[in-house]
């Protein structure tokens, strides 16, 4: 069972809230999104203190617009409902973990 929350425009604010979060914006057709999916899954299973979420931008264009997502994948690190770090393109697990450790 996946530890990743499937986020949408209707549930985003109630799931993410003020908790520390790692949010992955992607799309089914995005090759690089598929490449980082296992990394995001590992982080989700190793860090239960985080809300780890995935958003399909094709299904949730308003969320993509809200967070100014213009390229995929985009991964946001959030704290207290605010974006503290934004990564464009595929990154390493270590890069994401370093950003999380700075929360």
Protein backbone atom coordinates (compact mmCIF):
# COMPACT_ATOMS: atom_id res chain seq x y z
CA UNK A 1 0.00 0.00 0.00
CA UNK A 2 1.31 3.42 -0.94
CA UNK A 3 2.20 5.98 1.71
CA UNK A 4 1.61 8.77 -0.80
CA UNK A 5 -1.59 10.79 -0.55
CA UNK A 6 -3.32 11.33 -3.88
CA UNK A 7 -4.14 15.01 -3.66
CA UNK A 8 -6.78 16.95 -5.54
CA UNK A 9 -8.33 20.38 -5.55
CA UNK A 10 -11.05 19.13 -3.20
CA UNK A 11 -8.81 17.53 -0.54
CA UNK A 12 -5.49 19.42 -0.70
CA UNK A 13 -6.04 21.92 2.12
CA UNK A 14 -7.56 19.39 4.50
CA UNK A 15 -4.76 16.84 4.01
CA UNK A 16 -1.76 19.15 3.82
CA UNK A 17 -2.87 21.77 6.33
CA UNK A 18 0.00 23.04 8.47
CA UNK A 19 1.99 19.79 8.53
CA UNK A 20 5.43 19.53 6.90
CA UNK A 21 4.85 18.26 3.38
CA UNK A 22 6.57 17.01 0.23
CA UNK A 23 4.28 17.50 -2.74
CA UNK A 24 4.98 16.01 -6.16
CA UNK A 25 3.29 17.62 -9.19
CA UNK A 26 3.32 15.37 -12.22
CA UNK A 27 1.31 13.83 -15.03
CA UNK A 28 0.72 10.36 -16.40
CA UNK A 29 2.57 11.17 -19.63
CA UNK A 30 5.65 12.68 -17.90
CA UNK A 31 8.70 10.40 -18.21
CA UNK A 32 10.72 12.18 -15.52
CA UNK A 33 7.75 12.10 -13.16
CA UNK A 34 7.76 8.31 -13.44
CA UNK A 35 11.52 8.29 -12.74
CA UNK A 36 11.16 10.11 -9.41
CA UNK A 37 8.02 8.21 -8.32
CA UNK A 38 10.03 5.46 -6.52
CA UNK A 39 12.09 8.12 -4.74
CA UNK A 40 8.97 9.92 -3.55
CA UNK A 41 7.51 6.59 -2.40
CA UNK A 42 10.68 5.78 -0.42
CA UNK A 43 10.59 9.16 1.30
CA UNK A 44 6.91 8.66 2.14
CA UNK A 45 7.57 5.27 3.75
CA UNK A 46 10.69 6.45 5.61
CA UNK A 47 9.21 9.72 6.92
CA UNK A 48 5.76 9.17 8.42
CA UNK A 49 5.98 12.61 10.06
CA UNK A 50 5.58 14.17 6.60
CA UNK A 51 2.55 14.50 4.43
CA UNK A 52 3.77 13.19 1.09
CA UNK A 53 1.41 13.87 -1.74
CA UNK A 54 1.09 13.46 -5.47
CA UNK A 55 -0.91 15.73 -7.75
CA UNK A 56 -1.79 14.98 -11.37
CA UNK A 57 -1.73 18.43 -12.99
CA UNK A 58 -3.97 17.30 -15.86
CA UNK A 59 -6.71 16.45 -13.36
CA UNK A 60 -6.02 19.40 -11.03
CA UNK A 61 -5.15 22.46 -13.12
CA UNK A 62 -6.25 24.90 -10.40
CA UNK A 63 -3.72 23.47 -7.94
CA UNK A 64 -1.01 23.67 -10.58
CA UNK A 65 -1.93 27.33 -11.17
CA UNK A 66 -2.13 28.08 -7.44
CA UNK A 67 1.45 26.92 -6.94
CA UNK A 68 2.69 28.28 -10.30
CA UNK A 69 3.69 24.87 -11.62
CA UNK A 70 4.86 25.34 -15.20
CA UNK A 71 7.18 22.36 -15.69
CA UNK A 72 7.10 18.73 -14.62
CA UNK A 73 8.01 17.25 -12.35
CA UNK A 74 7.82 20.00 -9.76
CA UNK A 75 8.30 19.01 -6.12
CA UNK A 76 7.41 21.41 -3.31
CA UNK A 77 8.62 21.26 0.27
CA UNK A 78 6.07 22.97 2.50
CA UNK A 79 5.89 24.03 6.13
CA UNK A 80 2.96 25.71 7.85
CA UNK A 81 1.10 25.72 4.54
CA UNK A 82 3.82 27.74 2.82
CA UNK A 83 6.25 26.66 0.11
CA UNK A 84 9.80 26.78 1.50
CA UNK A 85 11.58 25.04 -1.38
CA UNK A 86 10.67 24.24 -4.97
CA UNK A 87 12.47 21.77 -7.24
CA UNK A 88 11.98 21.74 -11.00
CA UNK A 89 12.85 18.55 -12.83
CA UNK A 90 13.95 15.23 -11.39
CA UNK A 91 16.25 15.47 -8.35
CA UNK A 92 18.01 12.92 -6.21
CA UNK A 93 16.58 11.50 -3.02
CA UNK A 94 19.41 13.21 -1.13
CA UNK A 95 18.37 16.60 -2.52
CA UNK A 96 14.81 16.16 -1.28
CA UNK A 97 15.98 14.82 2.11
CA UNK A 98 18.31 17.77 2.60
CA UNK A 99 15.41 20.20 2.03
CA UNK A 100 13.22 18.21 4.43
CA UNK A 101 15.95 18.24 7.09
CA UNK A 102 16.01 22.04 6.94
CA UNK A 103 12.34 22.36 7.91
